[in-house]
Protein backbone atom coordinates (compact mmCIF):
# COMPACT_ATOMS: atom_id res chain seq x y z
CA MET A 1 0.00 0.00 0.00
CA PRO A 2 1.26 3.53 -0.65
CA LEU A 3 2.62 5.14 2.54
CA SER A 4 1.94 8.87 2.76
CA SER A 5 3.30 9.67 6.24
CA TYR A 6 4.28 8.15 9.55
CA LYS A 7 4.58 9.33 13.12
CA ILE A 8 6.86 7.93 15.82
CA GLY A 9 5.80 8.70 19.37
CA ASN A 10 5.04 12.37 19.90
CA GLN A 11 7.09 13.57 16.92
CA ASP A 12 5.42 15.51 14.14
CA ALA A 13 4.22 13.32 11.29
CA LYS A 14 6.85 12.81 8.58
CA VAL A 15 5.53 13.02 5.05
CA VAL A 16 7.08 10.56 2.61
CA THR A 17 6.80 10.05 -1.13
CA ASP A 18 7.36 6.98 -3.27
CA ARG A 19 7.24 4.66 -0.26
CA GLN A 20 5.24 1.48 0.09
CA ALA A 21 4.06 -0.28 3.23
CA ILE A 22 3.81 -4.04 3.29
CA LEU A 23 1.27 -5.35 5.75
CA ASP A 24 1.42 -8.98 6.77
CA PRO A 25 -0.58 -9.70 9.92
CA ALA A 26 1.01 -13.15 10.19
CA TYR A 27 4.51 -11.67 10.53
CA PRO A 28 5.18 -9.69 13.73
CA TYR A 29 7.90 -7.34 12.47
CA ILE A 30 7.94 -3.85 10.99
CA TYR A 31 10.36 -3.08 8.17
CA LEU A 32 11.41 0.51 7.56
CA PRO A 33 13.67 2.11 4.96
CA ALA A 34 17.08 3.04 6.42
CA SER A 35 16.33 6.77 6.80
CA GLU A 36 13.06 6.08 8.64
CA PHE A 37 14.77 3.43 10.77
CA MET A 38 17.28 6.07 11.93
CA ASP A 39 14.35 8.24 13.11
CA PHE A 40 12.90 5.24 14.93
CA ALA A 41 16.23 4.24 16.51
CA THR A 42 16.85 7.79 17.72
CA TYR A 43 13.41 7.97 19.26
CA MET A 44 13.81 4.54 20.88
CA THR A 45 16.87 5.72 22.79
CA LYS A 46 14.75 8.54 24.23
CA VAL A 47 11.83 6.29 25.14
CA PHE A 48 13.93 3.52 26.65
CA PRO A 49 16.58 5.30 28.75
CA THR A 50 19.79 3.40 29.40
CA ALA A 51 18.92 3.42 33.11
CA TRP A 52 16.17 0.93 32.19
CA LEU A 53 18.24 -1.20 29.86
CA GLN A 54 21.60 -2.88 29.95
CA GLU A 55 22.47 -1.52 26.51
CA ASN A 56 21.13 0.61 23.69
CA PRO A 57 18.18 -1.30 22.19
CA CYS A 58 18.86 -0.40 18.56
CA GLU A 59 21.71 -1.77 16.48
CA VAL A 60 22.00 0.81 13.71
CA LYS A 61 24.64 -1.28 11.95
CA TYR A 62 22.19 -4.18 11.60
CA GLY A 63 18.97 -2.15 11.44
CA THR A 64 17.26 -3.87 14.36
CA CYS A 65 15.95 -2.96 17.79
CA ASN A 66 15.92 -5.67 20.44
CA ILE A 67 15.28 -5.26 24.14
CA LYS A 68 16.70 -7.99 26.33
CA GLU A 69 14.68 -7.15 29.45
CA LYS A 70 11.44 -9.03 30.04
CA CYS A 71 8.40 -7.38 28.51
CA SER A 72 6.52 -7.56 31.81
CA VAL A 73 9.28 -5.51 33.50
CA LEU A 74 9.22 -2.87 30.74
CA LYS A 75 5.43 -2.69 30.76
CA GLN A 76 5.49 -2.01 34.50
CA LYS A 77 8.17 0.70 34.09
CA PHE A 78 6.09 2.36 31.35
CA LYS A 79 3.03 2.37 33.59
CA ASP A 80 4.98 3.61 36.62
CA GLU A 81 6.47 6.52 34.67
CA GLY A 82 3.40 7.25 32.55
CA LYS A 83 5.30 6.87 29.29
CA GLU A 84 3.50 6.69 25.98
CA PHE A 85 4.88 5.40 22.72
CA SER A 86 3.27 4.44 19.46
CA ILE A 87 3.89 4.34 15.73
CA SER A 88 1.25 5.53 13.27
CA PHE A 89 1.23 4.90 9.54
CA ASN A 90 -0.95 6.83 7.12
CA LEU A 91 -1.66 4.72 4.06
CA LYS A 92 -3.52 5.68 0.89
CA GLY A 93 -6.65 3.60 0.54
CA THR A 94 -8.02 2.52 -2.82
CA ASN A 95 -10.58 5.33 -2.57
CA GLY A 96 -7.77 7.92 -2.22
CA LYS A 97 -8.45 8.59 1.46
CA ASP A 98 -5.82 8.06 4.14
CA ILE A 99 -6.12 5.09 6.45
CA THR A 100 -4.29 5.44 9.77
CA ILE A 101 -2.89 2.39 11.54
CA THR A 102 -1.54 3.00 15.04
CA LEU A 103 0.50 0.49 17.01
CA PRO A 104 0.76 1.20 20.76
CA TRP A 105 3.93 0.19 22.57
CA GLU A 106 2.21 -2.75 24.26
CA GLU A 107 1.68 -4.33 20.84
CA MET A 108 5.34 -3.87 19.83
CA LEU A 109 6.81 -5.83 22.74
CA LEU A 110 7.04 -9.54 21.96
CA GLU A 111 8.16 -11.90 24.70
CA PRO A 112 10.61 -14.43 23.20
């Protein structure tokens, strides 16, 4: 689907052109182009302070973000500190109208 903009956390929406979003509900990962991944990785280091984690969650070299702490521990820290974090994608529907898909942080944490 054509991607028209995205928003990470409380940042302003970033408008993009010539980008496609691939949605596969059976696959629990989000793939981003390198420039958008850098935005995401930068924001992740603000959301997940190093005081919470043993190391920076995002490996820019490999283009991945992995958190080694248990999801239940992070969820409790989020609730205790009142943190909010989500990703929103605005996609162009077949009728030309934007469709917004928002993923809250609870849905992005997968317990291994």
